[in-house]
């Protein structure tokens, strides 16, 4: 996906030395407006379930979201609720989901937990979320293992213009035997 492009920038530029830029902007407009065009790096994902700790946050306040996510990770590490889950289907990865977007109120639910077979047995104090079947734009997250801020997050604003309104998004973290993150990806539901 080209960087720093918005709908507003798709008008033709009259200067001859910007022909390539005009073509690139035209392609972006066609990609955004064509329902049959697949966005690069998309993967089809079947629905699945996550059970974990959660918090409802205001998605318009980045500092509060970051704090909530940090608190949820700390709670996950300190409380280790995995033993309470009887139906984990993937214990080598942790999932962080963004769901229940409420546009009028600016709220959403963030859940950090494990992929499970179903939501039939949610322990007290934990939350279950269904990630719907969808095409997802996948993007690797980079950065220091301690914060995973970097390349994926720098492009987040741009990636969100491809986001499907009534869906859920998620991150997947794979760990090594010492519980260090070895791979992280952001999955955004596409239109």
Protein backbone atom coordinates (compact mmCIF):
# COMPACT_ATOMS: atom_id res chain seq x y z
CA UNK A 1 0.00 0.00 0.00
CA UNK A 2 1.50 3.35 -0.92
CA UNK A 3 2.31 5.64 1.98
CA UNK A 4 0.57 8.87 2.96
CA UNK A 5 -2.22 8.85 0.39
CA UNK A 6 -5.70 10.12 1.09
CA UNK A 7 -8.85 10.45 -0.99
CA UNK A 8 -8.29 14.19 -1.16
CA UNK A 9 -4.93 13.71 -2.89
CA UNK A 10 -6.31 11.81 -5.88
CA UNK A 11 -6.96 14.89 -8.04
CA UNK A 12 -4.72 15.17 -11.14
CA UNK A 13 -1.48 17.09 -10.84
CA UNK A 14 -0.68 19.23 -13.87
CA UNK A 15 3.13 19.17 -13.66
CA UNK A 16 4.80 16.90 -16.28
CA UNK A 17 7.41 15.55 -13.86
CA UNK A 18 4.67 14.06 -11.66
CA UNK A 19 3.22 11.58 -14.19
CA UNK A 20 4.17 8.56 -12.09
CA UNK A 21 2.62 10.12 -9.00
CA UNK A 22 -0.62 10.78 -10.89
CA UNK A 23 -0.76 7.16 -12.07
CA UNK A 24 -0.10 5.91 -8.54
CA UNK A 25 -2.90 8.08 -7.16
CA UNK A 26 -5.26 6.84 -9.88
CA UNK A 27 -4.47 3.23 -8.92
CA UNK A 28 -5.18 3.99 -5.25
CA UNK A 29 -8.55 5.50 -6.14
CA UNK A 30 -9.44 2.51 -8.34
CA UNK A 31 -8.38 0.07 -5.61
CA UNK A 32 -10.46 1.84 -2.97
CA UNK A 33 -13.53 2.17 -5.16
CA UNK A 34 -13.53 -1.22 -6.88
CA UNK A 35 -15.24 -3.96 -4.85
CA UNK A 36 -13.57 -6.70 -6.92
CA UNK A 37 -10.00 -5.50 -6.37
CA UNK A 38 -8.08 -7.41 -3.72
CA UNK A 39 -5.78 -5.37 -1.53
CA UNK A 40 -2.25 -6.72 -1.50
CA UNK A 41 -1.38 -8.87 1.55
CA UNK A 42 -4.92 -10.00 2.24
CA UNK A 43 -5.67 -13.42 3.65
CA UNK A 44 -8.98 -15.20 4.08
CA UNK A 45 -9.50 -16.20 7.71
CA UNK A 46 -12.26 -18.43 9.04
CA UNK A 47 -14.06 -17.30 12.17
CA UNK A 48 -12.49 -18.17 15.50
CA UNK A 49 -12.84 -17.36 19.18
CA UNK A 50 -10.68 -15.71 21.82
CA UNK A 51 -11.08 -15.82 25.60
CA UNK A 52 -9.05 -13.47 27.74
CA UNK A 53 -8.92 -10.28 29.76
CA UNK A 54 -10.63 -7.24 28.30
CA UNK A 55 -11.27 -3.56 28.68
CA UNK A 56 -13.63 -1.12 26.97
CA UNK A 57 -11.71 1.93 25.78
CA UNK A 58 -12.22 5.20 23.94
CA UNK A 59 -10.52 4.62 20.58
CA UNK A 60 -10.11 8.35 19.97
CA UNK A 61 -7.72 8.71 22.92
CA UNK A 62 -4.45 7.00 21.98
CA UNK A 63 -2.76 7.53 25.33
CA UNK A 64 -5.64 5.83 27.18
CA UNK A 65 -5.70 2.98 24.65
CA UNK A 66 -1.96 2.41 25.04
CA UNK A 67 -2.30 2.39 28.82
CA UNK A 68 -5.23 -0.05 28.66
CA UNK A 69 -3.27 -2.41 26.39
CA UNK A 70 -0.23 -2.22 28.67
CA UNK A 71 -2.43 -2.98 31.69
CA UNK A 72 -4.04 -5.95 29.90
CA UNK A 73 -0.64 -7.41 28.95
CA UNK A 74 0.54 -7.01 32.55
CA UNK A 75 -2.60 -8.70 33.84
CA UNK A 76 -2.13 -11.52 31.32
CA UNK A 77 1.45 -12.14 32.45
CA UNK A 78 0.78 -11.74 36.18
CA UNK A 79 -2.47 -13.72 36.42
CA UNK A 80 -1.72 -16.46 33.82
CA UNK A 81 -5.33 -17.44 33.27
CA UNK A 82 -4.47 -20.11 30.67
CA UNK A 83 -4.99 -22.86 33.26
CA UNK A 84 -8.64 -21.79 33.60
CA UNK A 85 -9.28 -22.40 29.89
CA UNK A 86 -10.23 -25.98 29.07
CA UNK A 87 -10.59 -25.56 25.33
CA UNK A 88 -7.48 -23.70 24.10
CA UNK A 89 -6.87 -24.52 20.44
CA UNK A 90 -3.59 -22.57 20.08
CA UNK A 91 -1.39 -22.15 23.15
CA UNK A 92 1.71 -20.98 21.26
CA UNK A 93 0.20 -17.61 20.32
CA UNK A 94 -1.54 -14.78 22.11
CA UNK A 95 -4.26 -12.76 20.40
CA UNK A 96 -5.17 -9.13 20.96
CA UNK A 97 -8.54 -8.24 19.44
CA UNK A 98 -10.29 -4.95 18.76
CA UNK A 99 -14.05 -5.50 18.63
CA UNK A 100 -17.46 -4.00 19.36
CA UNK A 101 -16.60 -0.69 17.73
CA UNK A 102 -19.25 1.85 18.73
CA UNK A 103 -18.85 4.86 16.45
CA UNK A 104 -21.35 7.20 18.11
CA UNK A 105 -19.70 6.74 21.50
CA UNK A 106 -16.13 6.18 20.26
CA UNK A 107 -15.73 2.99 22.29
CA UNK A 108 -14.37 -0.45 21.50
CA UNK A 109 -13.43 -3.61 23.39
CA UNK A 110 -9.82 -4.76 23.56
CA UNK A 111 -9.28 -8.40 24.53
CA UNK A 112 -5.96 -10.20 25.08
CA UNK A 113 -6.15 -13.95 25.31
CA UNK A 114 -5.96 -17.35 23.72
CA UNK A 115 -7.65 -18.83 20.68
CA UNK A 116 -10.23 -21.35 21.87
CA UNK A 117 -12.51 -23.92 20.22
CA UNK A 118 -15.72 -22.16 21.26
CA UNK A 119 -17.20 -19.75 23.80
CA UNK A 120 -19.22 -22.36 25.71
CA UNK A 121 -17.13 -22.14 28.90
CA UNK A 122 -15.93 -18.63 29.73
CA UNK A 123 -14.43 -18.50 33.25
CA UNK A 124 -15.52 -15.72 35.64
CA UNK A 125 -13.57 -12.53 35.11
CA UNK A 126 -12.71 -13.33 31.50
CA UNK A 127 -14.32 -12.24 28.24
CA UNK A 128 -15.05 -14.09 25.00
CA UNK A 129 -15.02 -12.61 21.53
CA UNK A 130 -15.82 -14.05 18.10
CA UNK A 131 -13.57 -12.96 15.26
CA UNK A 132 -15.73 -13.20 12.12
CA UNK A 133 -14.76 -14.94 8.89
CA UNK A 134 -13.42 -12.29 6.58
CA UNK A 135 -10.65 -11.16 4.27
CA UNK A 136 -7.99 -9.52 6.39
CA UNK A 137 -5.18 -7.19 5.44
CA UNK A 138 -2.13 -8.60 7.21
CA UNK A 139 0.77 -6.44 8.19
CA UNK A 140 3.89 -7.43 10.15
CA UNK A 141 4.57 -5.47 13.30
CA UNK A 142 8.18 -4.52 13.89
CA UNK A 143 10.12 -2.87 16.64
CA UNK A 144 11.73 -3.85 19.90
CA UNK A 145 10.31 -7.03 21.38
CA UNK A 146 9.35 -5.03 24.47
CA UNK A 147 6.98 -2.65 22.73
CA UNK A 148 6.42 -3.74 19.13
CA UNK A 149 5.98 -0.21 17.95
CA UNK A 150 7.24 0.57 14.51
CA UNK A 151 6.51 -0.20 10.90
CA UNK A 152 3.00 -1.63 11.28
CA UNK A 153 1.86 1.12 13.61
CA UNK A 154 3.36 3.87 11.46
CA UNK A 155 1.04 2.77 8.64
CA UNK A 156 -2.04 2.23 10.81
CA UNK A 157 -3.87 5.39 9.76
CA UNK A 158 -3.45 4.43 6.13
CA UNK A 159 -4.44 0.82 6.74
CA UNK A 160 -7.65 1.87 8.50
CA UNK A 161 -9.07 3.39 5.30
CA UNK A 162 -9.37 -0.21 4.03
CA UNK A 163 -11.04 -1.43 7.23
CA UNK A 164 -14.44 -3.12 7.16
CA UNK A 165 -16.77 -1.15 9.42
CA UNK A 166 -18.72 -3.92 11.18
CA UNK A 167 -16.01 -6.43 11.98
CA UNK A 168 -13.16 -7.08 14.39
CA UNK A 169 -9.43 -6.64 13.97
CA UNK A 170 -6.68 -8.50 15.78
CA UNK A 171 -2.98 -8.96 16.40
CA UNK A 172 -1.22 -12.30 16.69
CA UNK A 173 1.93 -12.75 18.79
CA UNK A 174 4.12 -15.86 18.55
CA UNK A 175 6.58 -16.55 21.37
CA UNK A 176 9.81 -18.52 21.69
CA UNK A 177 10.53 -20.93 24.55
CA UNK A 178 11.63 -18.01 26.77
CA UNK A 179 8.36 -16.17 26.13
CA UNK A 180 10.00 -13.53 23.94
CA UNK A 181 7.98 -12.35 20.96
CA UNK A 182 9.44 -13.83 17.80
CA UNK A 183 6.71 -12.75 15.35
CA UNK A 184 3.81 -10.32 15.46
CA UNK A 185 1.17 -9.46 12.87
CA UNK A 186 -1.72 -7.04 12.63
CA UNK A 187 -4.87 -8.32 10.87
CA UNK A 188 -7.40 -5.69 9.74
CA UNK A 189 -10.78 -6.75 8.32
CA UNK A 190 -11.03 -5.40 4.77
CA UNK A 191 -13.96 -3.94 2.90
